[in-house]
Amino acid sequence: EVLVVESGGGSVETGGSLRLSCAASGFRVDETHMGWYRQAPGNECELVSRIRSDSSTHYADSVKGRFTISRDNAKNTVHLQMTSLKPDDTAVYHCAAVGVECRALSNWGQGTQVTVSS
């Protein structure tokens, strides 16, 4: 069952920017603690950012100051604005409720590929 549709990924050079979107269905993102995860081949899955139902946000140290998470309640969508991208940011990005196990992320949506070249 697809719960979210992620979009906005692509290929950029180091220093570039991308804006990811996560359109949800069947539940309200403003009633759910939502997170953006990323998975690179051979790496552990990482929760890079989350936004709680009270709109408080948190970022992993690896993206702090470069990424911004936000929510559009009217469109039931969560965004991740990514700036100053680095090759280490290359991964498949998924959005899901906070606490979802990494192996279950594909049950939420297909993810979106971000590739940053040096």
Protein backbone atom coordinates (compact mmCIF):
# COMPACT_ATOMS: atom_id res chain seq x y z
CA GLU A 1 0.00 0.00 0.00
CA VAL A 2 1.52 3.30 -1.09
CA LEU A 3 1.15 5.90 1.60
CA VAL A 4 3.42 8.64 0.24
CA VAL A 5 4.79 9.72 -3.10
CA GLU A 6 8.27 11.22 -2.98
CA SER A 7 9.52 13.46 -5.77
CA GLY A 8 12.09 16.12 -6.56
CA GLY A 9 15.25 14.07 -6.65
CA GLY A 10 17.80 14.36 -9.40
CA SER A 11 21.44 14.80 -10.29
CA VAL A 12 23.29 17.95 -9.27
CA GLU A 13 26.86 19.08 -8.82
CA THR A 14 28.48 19.76 -5.48
CA GLY A 15 27.04 22.93 -4.01
CA GLY A 16 23.73 22.55 -5.79
CA SER A 17 20.23 22.47 -4.36
CA LEU A 18 17.17 20.28 -4.60
CA ARG A 19 13.73 20.38 -3.03
CA LEU A 20 12.13 17.06 -2.21
CA SER A 21 8.39 16.64 -1.76
CA CYS A 22 6.41 13.95 -0.01
CA ALA A 23 2.70 13.86 -0.81
CA ALA A 24 0.78 11.74 1.67
CA SER A 25 -2.53 9.97 1.36
CA GLY A 26 -4.70 8.17 3.87
CA PHE A 27 -3.37 10.10 6.85
CA ARG A 28 -2.61 13.67 7.91
CA VAL A 29 1.03 14.76 7.95
CA ASP A 30 0.18 17.47 10.47
CA GLU A 31 -1.02 14.77 12.88
CA THR A 32 2.02 12.56 12.35
CA HIS A 33 5.68 12.94 13.27
CA MET A 34 7.21 12.77 9.80
CA GLY A 35 10.79 12.16 8.82
CA TRP A 36 13.06 12.11 5.80
CA TYR A 37 15.37 9.11 5.71
CA ARG A 38 18.17 8.33 3.29
CA GLN A 39 19.79 5.08 2.28
CA ALA A 40 23.00 4.86 0.30
CA PRO A 41 24.40 1.54 -0.94
CA GLY A 42 26.49 -0.09 1.75
CA ASN A 43 25.50 2.51 4.33
CA GLU A 44 23.17 2.45 7.27
CA CYS A 45 19.80 4.06 6.81
CA GLU A 46 19.84 7.55 8.32
CA LEU A 47 17.03 9.74 9.59
CA VAL A 48 18.24 13.10 8.31
CA SER A 49 15.37 15.29 9.47
CA ARG A 50 12.02 15.14 11.17
CA ILE A 51 9.09 17.46 11.80
CA ARG A 52 6.77 16.74 14.66
CA SER A 53 3.05 17.37 14.73
CA ASP A 54 3.77 20.50 16.81
CA SER A 55 6.03 21.70 13.96
CA SER A 56 9.26 21.35 15.91
CA THR A 57 12.11 20.13 13.75
CA HIS A 58 15.33 18.20 14.17
CA TYR A 59 18.28 17.57 11.89
CA ALA A 60 21.11 15.10 11.82
CA ASP A 61 24.50 16.72 12.35
CA SER A 62 25.46 15.72 8.84
CA VAL A 63 22.83 18.04 7.29
CA LYS A 64 22.34 20.71 9.93
CA GLY A 65 22.51 24.18 8.43
CA ARG A 66 22.07 22.86 4.89
CA PHE A 67 18.68 21.11 4.89
CA THR A 68 15.31 22.50 5.92
CA ILE A 69 12.19 20.44 6.51
CA SER A 70 8.76 21.99 6.20
CA ARG A 71 5.14 21.03 5.89
CA ASP A 72 2.22 22.23 3.76
CA ASN A 73 -0.88 21.21 5.66
CA ALA A 74 -3.26 22.28 2.88
CA LYS A 75 -1.52 19.95 0.44
CA ASN A 76 -0.80 17.25 3.03
CA THR A 77 2.82 17.36 1.93
CA VAL A 78 6.22 17.45 3.61
CA HIS A 79 9.20 19.08 1.90
CA LEU A 80 12.96 18.86 2.33
CA GLN A 81 14.93 21.79 0.96
CA MET A 82 18.52 20.72 0.43
CA THR A 83 21.29 23.22 -0.23
CA SER A 84 25.09 23.09 -0.41
CA LEU A 85 24.82 19.48 -1.48
CA LYS A 86 27.83 17.20 -1.17
CA PRO A 87 28.67 13.85 -2.77
CA ASP A 88 28.05 12.24 0.65
CA ASP A 89 24.41 13.29 0.31
CA THR A 90 23.97 10.86 -2.57
CA ALA A 91 21.28 8.35 -1.58
CA VAL A 92 17.69 7.31 -2.05
CA TYR A 93 15.54 9.59 0.09
CA HIS A 94 12.35 8.29 1.68
CA CYS A 95 9.75 9.97 3.80
CA ALA A 96 7.76 8.12 6.42
CA ALA A 97 6.54 8.41 9.94
CA VAL A 98 9.32 8.69 12.50
CA GLY A 99 10.03 5.29 13.98
CA VAL A 100 9.46 3.30 10.80
CA GLU A 101 12.16 0.67 10.42
CA CYS A 102 14.46 1.20 7.46
CA ARG A 103 13.52 -2.14 5.94
CA ALA A 104 9.89 -0.96 5.88
CA LEU A 105 10.48 2.36 4.12
CA SER A 106 9.66 0.91 0.71
CA ASN A 107 6.23 0.02 2.08
CA TRP A 108 5.55 3.71 2.39
CA GLY A 109 6.77 4.91 -0.99
CA GLN A 110 9.30 4.33 -3.73
CA GLY A 111 11.74 6.99 -2.58
CA THR A 112 13.54 9.51 -4.77
CA GLN A 113 17.16 9.30 -5.90
CA VAL A 114 19.54 12.16 -5.17
CA THR A 115 22.93 12.07 -6.84
CA VAL A 116 25.58 14.69 -6.16
CA SER A 117 28.66 14.70 -8.35
CA SER A 118 31.99 16.21 -7.41
